[in-house]
Amino acid sequence: MNGRLRQDGSTAEMITGLPDIIAAISAVTALEPGDVIMTGTPSGVGASQSMFLVPGDLVEATVEGIGTLRNPVAAQGEEQGS
């Protein structure tokens, strides 16, 4: 967040593997190109550290070999330009 590393993990560390997650979701809805599956976060970050996102923060998620997704945090009802 905002240029500071807060998490560093691998899908290999997940309790439920990606194929099982995708199968479970696909059983109840059709997945389309561009869909994002959010699986939560490990302990030790966020609320457990009294750290919360505020408008103006920038959250980045990098997937090796794919790229980086950058999400600016806006206030509810506020739109941000690209």
Protein backbone atom coordinates (compact mmCIF):
# COMPACT_ATOMS: atom_id res chain seq x y z
CA MET A 1 0.00 0.00 0.00
CA ASN A 2 1.37 3.37 -1.04
CA GLY A 3 4.68 1.82 -2.06
CA ARG A 4 5.13 -0.23 1.13
CA LEU A 5 5.00 -4.01 0.94
CA ARG A 6 2.25 -5.33 3.24
CA GLN A 7 1.93 -8.91 2.03
CA ASP A 8 4.15 -11.29 0.15
CA GLY A 9 2.65 -14.67 -0.50
CA SER A 10 2.04 -17.34 -3.07
CA THR A 11 -1.04 -19.21 -4.20
CA ALA A 12 0.88 -22.34 -3.13
CA GLU A 13 0.27 -21.23 0.49
CA MET A 14 -3.51 -21.09 0.14
CA ILE A 15 -5.64 -23.50 2.20
CA THR A 16 -7.93 -24.14 -0.77
CA GLY A 17 -6.28 -24.50 -4.18
CA LEU A 18 -7.23 -22.34 -7.13
CA PRO A 19 -8.78 -25.23 -9.14
CA ASP A 20 -11.16 -25.99 -6.24
CA ILE A 21 -12.04 -22.31 -5.78
CA ILE A 22 -12.76 -21.89 -9.49
CA ALA A 23 -14.82 -25.11 -9.55
CA ALA A 24 -16.91 -24.00 -6.56
CA ILE A 25 -17.65 -20.60 -8.06
CA SER A 26 -18.36 -22.08 -11.50
CA ALA A 27 -20.91 -24.40 -9.93
CA VAL A 28 -23.11 -21.43 -9.01
CA THR A 29 -22.31 -18.80 -11.65
CA ALA A 30 -20.70 -18.46 -15.05
CA LEU A 31 -17.27 -16.88 -14.98
CA GLU A 32 -16.55 -14.39 -17.76
CA PRO A 33 -13.29 -12.96 -19.10
CA GLY A 34 -12.21 -10.12 -16.81
CA ASP A 35 -13.92 -11.53 -13.70
CA VAL A 36 -11.85 -11.19 -10.54
CA ILE A 37 -12.02 -13.77 -7.75
CA MET A 38 -11.26 -12.27 -4.33
CA THR A 39 -10.23 -14.82 -1.71
CA GLY A 40 -9.44 -12.73 1.33
CA THR A 41 -6.18 -12.13 3.10
CA PRO A 42 -3.90 -13.90 5.56
CA SER A 43 -3.80 -12.81 9.16
CA GLY A 44 -1.43 -10.11 10.32
CA VAL A 45 -2.51 -7.31 8.00
CA GLY A 46 -5.27 -4.73 7.89
CA ALA A 47 -7.59 -4.49 10.88
CA SER A 48 -5.42 -6.74 13.04
CA GLN A 49 -2.71 -4.07 12.73
CA SER A 50 -5.18 -1.15 13.04
CA MET A 51 -4.42 -0.24 9.42
CA PHE A 52 -7.29 0.79 7.21
CA LEU A 53 -7.51 2.11 3.67
CA VAL A 54 -8.36 5.80 3.27
CA PRO A 55 -9.17 7.90 0.20
CA GLY A 56 -5.98 8.65 -1.70
CA ASP A 57 -4.28 5.34 -0.86
CA LEU A 58 -3.01 3.22 -3.75
CA VAL A 59 -3.26 -0.56 -3.51
CA GLU A 60 -1.15 -2.62 -5.90
CA ALA A 61 -1.27 -6.37 -6.47
CA THR A 62 1.36 -8.04 -8.62
CA VAL A 63 1.09 -11.48 -10.17
CA GLU A 64 4.42 -12.75 -11.40
CA GLY A 65 4.41 -13.20 -15.16
CA ILE A 66 1.12 -11.31 -15.57
CA GLY A 67 1.55 -7.78 -14.24
CA THR A 68 0.41 -5.33 -11.59
CA LEU A 69 -3.15 -4.23 -10.82
CA ARG A 70 -3.29 -0.72 -9.32
CA ASN A 71 -6.40 0.40 -7.44
CA PRO A 72 -6.70 3.95 -6.11
CA VAL A 73 -8.93 4.23 -3.04
CA ALA A 74 -11.76 6.76 -3.34
CA ALA A 75 -14.33 7.95 -0.84
CA GLN A 76 -17.73 6.30 -1.18
CA GLY A 77 -19.57 7.89 -4.08
CA GLU A 78 -16.39 9.55 -5.38
CA GLU A 79 -15.05 8.64 -8.79
CA GLN A 80 -11.38 8.84 -9.70
CA GLY A 81 -9.98 9.35 -13.19
CA SER A 82 -7.70 6.82 -14.82
